[in-house]
Amino acid sequence: IRARELGVPVKTIHNASIMNAIGAT
């Protein structure tokens, strides 16, 4: 949010997290 307020373009590159890797159980 702060970056966008300053006019900085933002690109997000996702990855695995415990929120989906918990499926290993």
PDB file of all heavy atoms in Angstrom:
ATOM      1  N   ILE A   1       0.844  -1.209   0.000  1.00  0.00           N
ATOM      2  CA  ILE A   1       0.000   0.000   0.000  1.00  0.00           C
ATOM      3  C   ILE A   1       0.871   1.249   0.000  1.00  0.00           C
ATOM      4  O   ILE A   1       0.613   2.212  -0.746  1.00  0.00           O
ATOM      5  CB  ILE A   1      -0.945  -0.011   1.212  1.00  0.00           C
ATOM      6  CG1 ILE A   1      -1.991  -1.119   1.058  1.00  0.00           C
ATOM      7  CG2 ILE A   1      -1.627   1.348   1.394  1.00  0.00           C
ATOM      8  CD1 ILE A   1      -2.835  -1.348   2.288  1.00  0.00           C
ATOM      9  N   ARG A   2       1.913   1.237   0.835  1.00  0.00           N
ATOM     10  CA  ARG A   2       2.816   2.396   0.900  1.00  0.00           C
ATOM     11  C   ARG A   2       3.506   2.612  -0.446  1.00  0.00           C
ATOM     12  O   ARG A   2       3.648   3.761  -0.899  1.00  0.00           O
ATOM     13  CB  ARG A   2       3.857   2.165   1.997  1.00  0.00           C
ATOM     14  CG  ARG A   2       4.869   3.297   2.153  1.00  0.00           C
ATOM     15  CD  ARG A   2       4.199   4.600   2.521  1.00  0.00           C
ATOM     16  NE  ARG A   2       5.182   5.659   2.691  1.00  0.00           N
ATOM     17  CZ  ARG A   2       4.927   6.932   2.483  1.00  0.00           C
ATOM     18  NH1 ARG A   2       3.710   7.331   2.097  1.00  0.00           N
ATOM     19  NH2 ARG A   2       5.863   7.842   2.672  1.00  0.00           N
ATOM     20  N   ALA A   3       3.919   1.546  -1.108  1.00  0.00           N
ATOM     21  CA  ALA A   3       4.571   1.672  -2.413  1.00  0.00           C
ATOM     22  C   ALA A   3       3.632   2.318  -3.422  1.00  0.00           C
ATOM     23  O   ALA A   3       4.031   3.231  -4.169  1.00  0.00           O
ATOM     24  CB  ALA A   3       5.017   0.298  -2.896  1.00  0.00           C
ATOM     25  N   ARG A   4       2.401   1.871  -3.445  1.00  0.00           N
ATOM     26  CA  ARG A   4       1.444   2.433  -4.399  1.00  0.00           C
ATOM     27  C   ARG A   4       1.159   3.895  -4.115  1.00  0.00           C
ATOM     28  O   ARG A   4       0.957   4.698  -5.038  1.00  0.00           O
ATOM     29  CB  ARG A   4       0.170   1.591  -4.386  1.00  0.00           C
ATOM     30  CG  ARG A   4       0.382   0.215  -5.037  1.00  0.00           C
ATOM     31  CD  ARG A   4      -0.800  -0.695  -4.869  1.00  0.00           C
ATOM     32  NE  ARG A   4      -0.578  -1.972  -5.562  1.00  0.00           N
ATOM     33  CZ  ARG A   4      -1.172  -3.104  -5.257  1.00  0.00           C
ATOM     34  NH1 ARG A   4      -2.063  -3.149  -4.251  1.00  0.00           N
ATOM     35  NH2 ARG A   4      -0.897  -4.211  -5.920  1.00  0.00           N
ATOM     36  N   GLU A   5       1.133   4.264  -2.824  1.00  0.00           N
ATOM     37  CA  GLU A   5       0.948   5.675  -2.471  1.00  0.00           C
ATOM     38  C   GLU A   5       2.083   6.540  -2.995  1.00  0.00           C
ATOM     39  O   GLU A   5       1.888   7.709  -3.326  1.00  0.00           O
ATOM     40  CB  GLU A   5       0.843   5.819  -0.956  1.00  0.00           C
ATOM     41  CG  GLU A   5      -0.448   5.281  -0.367  1.00  0.00           C
ATOM     42  CD  GLU A   5      -0.450   5.290   1.155  1.00  0.00           C
ATOM     43  OE1 GLU A   5       0.642   5.480   1.755  1.00  0.00           O
ATOM     44  OE2 GLU A   5      -1.534   5.107   1.743  1.00  0.00           O
ATOM     45  N   LEU A   6       3.276   5.960  -3.078  1.00  0.00           N
ATOM     46  CA  LEU A   6       4.440   6.686  -3.579  1.00  0.00           C
ATOM     47  C   LEU A   6       4.602   6.591  -5.091  1.00  0.00           C
ATOM     48  O   LEU A   6       5.571   7.098  -5.651  1.00  0.00           O
ATOM     49  CB  LEU A   6       5.706   6.148  -2.897  1.00  0.00           C
ATOM     50  CG  LEU A   6       5.808   6.384  -1.385  1.00  0.00           C
ATOM     51  CD1 LEU A   6       7.027   5.669  -0.810  1.00  0.00           C
ATOM     52  CD2 LEU A   6       5.873   7.881  -1.079  1.00  0.00           C
ATOM     53  N   GLY A   7       3.650   5.921  -5.741  1.00  0.00           N
ATOM     54  CA  GLY A   7       3.714   5.788  -7.189  1.00  0.00           C
ATOM     55  C   GLY A   7       4.694   4.742  -7.672  1.00  0.00           C
ATOM     56  O   GLY A   7       5.128   4.757  -8.832  1.00  0.00           O
ATOM     57  N   VAL A   8       5.047   3.799  -6.790  1.00  0.00           N
ATOM     58  CA  VAL A   8       5.981   2.728  -7.150  1.00  0.00           C
ATOM     59  C   VAL A   8       5.188   1.536  -7.676  1.00  0.00           C
ATOM     60  O   VAL A   8       4.312   1.024  -6.978  1.00  0.00           O
ATOM     61  CB  VAL A   8       6.821   2.296  -5.930  1.00  0.00           C
ATOM     62  CG1 VAL A   8       7.661   1.071  -6.265  1.00  0.00           C
ATOM     63  CG2 VAL A   8       7.688   3.445  -5.449  1.00  0.00           C
ATOM     64  N   PRO A   9       5.459   1.072  -8.881  1.00  0.00           N
ATOM     65  CA  PRO A   9       4.771  -0.130  -9.375  1.00  0.00           C
ATOM     66  C   PRO A   9       5.184  -1.359  -8.569  1.00  0.00           C
ATOM     67  O   PRO A   9       6.336  -1.462  -8.133  1.00  0.00           O
ATOM     68  CB  PRO A   9       5.223  -0.244 -10.831  1.00  0.00           C
ATOM     69  CG  PRO A   9       6.495   0.535 -10.908  1.00  0.00           C
ATOM     70  CD  PRO A   9       6.401   1.621  -9.879  1.00  0.00           C
ATOM     71  N   VAL A  10       4.245  -2.265  -8.382  1.00  0.00           N
ATOM     72  CA  VAL A  10       4.480  -3.443  -7.547  1.00  0.00           C
ATOM     73  C   VAL A  10       4.125  -4.703  -8.328  1.00  0.00           C
ATOM     74  O   VAL A  10       3.089  -4.757  -8.990  1.00  0.00           O
ATOM     75  CB  VAL A  10       3.630  -3.390  -6.252  1.00  0.00           C
ATOM     76  CG1 VAL A  10       3.837  -4.662  -5.420  1.00  0.00           C
ATOM     77  CG2 VAL A  10       3.950  -2.146  -5.444  1.00  0.00           C
ATOM     78  N   LYS A  11       4.976  -5.697  -8.234  1.00  0.00           N
ATOM     79  CA  LYS A  11       4.675  -6.997  -8.822  1.00  0.00           C
ATOM     80  C   LYS A  11       4.896  -8.062  -7.751  1.00  0.00           C
ATOM     81  O   LYS A  11       5.961  -8.117  -7.120  1.00  0.00           O
ATOM     82  CB  LYS A  11       5.557  -7.290 -10.031  1.00  0.00           C
ATOM     83  CG  LYS A  11       5.219  -8.618 -10.723  1.00  0.00           C
ATOM     84  CD  LYS A  11       6.026  -8.811 -11.986  1.00  0.00           C
ATOM     85  CE  LYS A  11       5.698 -10.129 -12.677  1.00  0.00           C
ATOM     86  NZ  LYS A  11       4.292 -10.206 -13.109  1.00  0.00           N
ATOM     87  N   THR A  12       3.895  -8.904  -7.543  1.00  0.00           N
ATOM     88  CA  THR A  12       3.971  -9.969  -6.551  1.00  0.00           C
ATOM     89  C   THR A  12       4.245 -11.296  -7.242  1.00  0.00           C
ATOM     90  O   THR A  12       3.615 -11.621  -8.255  1.00  0.00           O
ATOM     91  CB  THR A  12       2.655 -10.070  -5.762  1.00  0.00           C
ATOM     92  OG1 THR A  12       2.390  -8.818  -5.126  1.00  0.00           O
ATOM     93  CG2 THR A  12       2.737 -11.170  -4.705  1.00  0.00           C
ATOM     94  N   ILE A  13       5.192 -12.055  -6.689  1.00  0.00           N
ATOM     95  CA  ILE A  13       5.521 -13.374  -7.221  1.00  0.00           C
ATOM     96  C   ILE A  13       5.285 -14.380  -6.091  1.00  0.00           C
ATOM     97  O   ILE A  13       6.004 -14.390  -5.089  1.00  0.00           O
ATOM     98  CB  ILE A  13       6.969 -13.430  -7.732  1.00  0.00           C
ATOM     99  CG1 ILE A  13       7.170 -12.384  -8.845  1.00  0.00           C
ATOM    100  CG2 ILE A  13       7.300 -14.827  -8.248  1.00  0.00           C
ATOM    101  CD1 ILE A  13       8.594 -12.245  -9.326  1.00  0.00           C
ATOM    102  N   HIS A  14       4.281 -15.219  -6.255  1.00  0.00           N
ATOM    103  CA  HIS A  14       3.815 -16.092  -5.178  1.00  0.00           C
ATOM    104  C   HIS A  14       4.659 -17.356  -5.065  1.00  0.00           C
ATOM    105  O   HIS A  14       5.459 -17.690  -5.949  1.00  0.00           O
ATOM    106  CB  HIS A  14       2.346 -16.444  -5.395  1.00  0.00           C
ATOM    107  CG  HIS A  14       1.436 -15.264  -5.282  1.00  0.00           C
ATOM    108  ND1 HIS A  14       1.009 -14.764  -4.076  1.00  0.00           N
ATOM    109  CD2 HIS A  14       0.878 -14.466  -6.244  1.00  0.00           C
ATOM    110  CE1 HIS A  14       0.217 -13.725  -4.279  1.00  0.00           C
ATOM    111  NE2 HIS A  14       0.138 -13.520  -5.585  1.00  0.00           N
ATOM    112  N   ASN A  15       4.432 -18.058  -3.938  1.00  0.00           N
ATOM    113  CA  ASN A  15       5.141 -19.316  -3.705  1.00  0.00           C
ATOM    114  C   ASN A  15       4.340 -20.129  -2.693  1.00  0.00           C
ATOM    115  O   ASN A  15       3.306 -19.680  -2.197  1.00  0.00           O
ATOM    116  CB  ASN A  15       6.563 -19.047  -3.190  1.00  0.00           C
ATOM    117  CG  ASN A  15       7.551 -20.130  -3.585  1.00  0.00           C
ATOM    118  OD1 ASN A  15       7.224 -21.315  -3.538  1.00  0.00           O
ATOM    119  ND2 ASN A  15       8.759 -19.737  -3.962  1.00  0.00           N
ATOM    120  N   ALA A  16       4.830 -21.319  -2.395  1.00  0.00           N
ATOM    121  CA  ALA A  16       4.171 -22.171  -1.403  1.00  0.00           C
ATOM    122  C   ALA A  16       4.315 -21.579  -0.008  1.00  0.00           C
ATOM    123  O   ALA A  16       5.305 -20.920   0.306  1.00  0.00           O
ATOM    124  CB  ALA A  16       4.778 -23.568  -1.429  1.00  0.00           C
ATOM    125  N   SER A  17       3.320 -21.812   0.827  1.00  0.00           N
ATOM    126  CA  SER A  17       3.388 -21.421   2.235  1.00  0.00           C
ATOM    127  C   SER A  17       2.805 -22.545   3.065  1.00  0.00           C
ATOM    128  O   SER A  17       2.218 -23.501   2.539  1.00  0.00           O
ATOM    129  CB  SER A  17       2.611 -20.122   2.480  1.00  0.00           C
ATOM    130  OG  SER A  17       1.218 -20.377   2.526  1.00  0.00           O
ATOM    131  N   ILE A  18       2.918 -22.430   4.376  1.00  0.00           N
ATOM    132  CA  ILE A  18       2.359 -23.459   5.244  1.00  0.00           C
ATOM    133  C   ILE A  18       0.851 -23.550   5.065  1.00  0.00           C
ATOM    134  O   ILE A  18       0.247 -24.609   5.313  1.00  0.00           O
ATOM    135  CB  ILE A  18       2.725 -23.185   6.729  1.00  0.00           C
ATOM    136  CG1 ILE A  18       2.390 -24.388   7.613  1.00  0.00           C
ATOM    137  CG2 ILE A  18       2.038 -21.910   7.222  1.00  0.00           C
ATOM    138  CD1 ILE A  18       3.124 -25.649   7.265  1.00  0.00           C
ATOM    139  N   MET A  19       0.226 -22.468   4.592  1.00  0.00           N
ATOM    140  CA  MET A  19      -1.227 -22.453   4.437  1.00  0.00           C
ATOM    141  C   MET A  19      -1.702 -23.461   3.391  1.00  0.00           C
ATOM    142  O   MET A  19      -2.823 -23.971   3.491  1.00  0.00           O
ATOM    143  CB  MET A  19      -1.708 -21.049   4.048  1.00  0.00           C
ATOM    144  CG  MET A  19      -1.338 -19.978   5.054  1.00  0.00           C
ATOM    145  SD  MET A  19      -2.257 -20.108   6.595  1.00  0.00           S
ATOM    146  CE  MET A  19      -3.835 -19.440   6.099  1.00  0.00           C
ATOM    147  N   ASN A  20      -0.875 -23.749   2.398  1.00  0.00           N
ATOM    148  CA  ASN A  20      -1.267 -24.801   1.448  1.00  0.00           C
ATOM    149  C   ASN A  20      -0.432 -26.075   1.605  1.00  0.00           C
ATOM    150  O   ASN A  20      -0.925 -27.174   1.393  1.00  0.00           O
ATOM    151  CB  ASN A  20      -1.224 -24.307  -0.010  1.00  0.00           C
ATOM    152  CG  ASN A  20       0.078 -23.681  -0.405  1.00  0.00           C
ATOM    153  OD1 ASN A  20       1.131 -23.975   0.154  1.00  0.00           O
ATOM    154  ND2 ASN A  20       0.034 -22.792  -1.391  1.00  0.00           N
ATOM    155  N   ALA A  21       0.819 -25.930   2.052  1.00  0.00           N
ATOM    156  CA  ALA A  21       1.666 -27.112   2.216  1.00  0.00           C
ATOM    157  C   ALA A  21       1.206 -27.993   3.371  1.00  0.00           C
ATOM    158  O   ALA A  21       1.623 -29.160   3.452  1.00  0.00           O
ATOM    159  CB  ALA A  21       3.120 -26.684   2.426  1.00  0.00           C
ATOM    160  N   ILE A  22       0.338 -27.493   4.224  1.00  0.00           N
ATOM    161  CA  ILE A  22      -0.180 -28.317   5.317  1.00  0.00           C
ATOM    162  C   ILE A  22      -0.977 -29.500   4.764  1.00  0.00           C
ATOM    163  O   ILE A  22      -1.226 -30.485   5.473  1.00  0.00           O
ATOM    164  CB  ILE A  22      -1.041 -27.473   6.289  1.00  0.00           C
ATOM    165  CG1 ILE A  22      -1.204 -28.173   7.637  1.00  0.00           C
ATOM    166  CG2 ILE A  22      -2.392 -27.130   5.667  1.00  0.00           C
ATOM    167  CD1 ILE A  22       0.080 -28.338   8.402  1.00  0.00           C
ATOM    168  N   GLY A  23      -1.317 -29.442   3.496  1.00  0.00           N
ATOM    169  CA  GLY A  23      -1.947 -30.581   2.834  1.00  0.00           C
ATOM    170  C   GLY A  23      -1.081 -31.829   2.854  1.00  0.00           C
ATOM    171  O   GLY A  23      -1.577 -32.942   2.631  1.00  0.00           O
ATOM    172  N   ALA A  24       0.222 -31.670   3.150  1.00  0.00           N
ATOM    173  CA  ALA A  24       1.117 -32.825   3.276  1.00  0.00           C
ATOM    174  C   ALA A  24       0.686 -33.761   4.399  1.00  0.00           C
ATOM    175  O   ALA A  24       1.076 -34.928   4.426  1.00  0.00           O
ATOM    176  CB  ALA A  24       2.551 -32.363   3.516  1.00  0.00           C
ATOM    177  N   THR A  25      -0.131 -33.272   5.324  1.00  0.00           N
ATOM    178  CA  THR A  25      -0.647 -34.112   6.401  1.00  0.00           C
ATOM    179  C   THR A  25      -1.673 -35.121   5.915  1.00  0.00           C
ATOM    180  O   THR A  25      -2.036 -36.044   6.645  1.00  0.00           O
ATOM    181  CB  THR A  25      -1.305 -33.246   7.488  1.00  0.00           C
ATOM    182  OG1 THR A  25      -2.391 -32.500   6.896  1.00  0.00           O
ATOM    183  CG2 THR A  25      -0.307 -32.290   8.111  1.00  0.00           C
TER     184      THR A  25
END
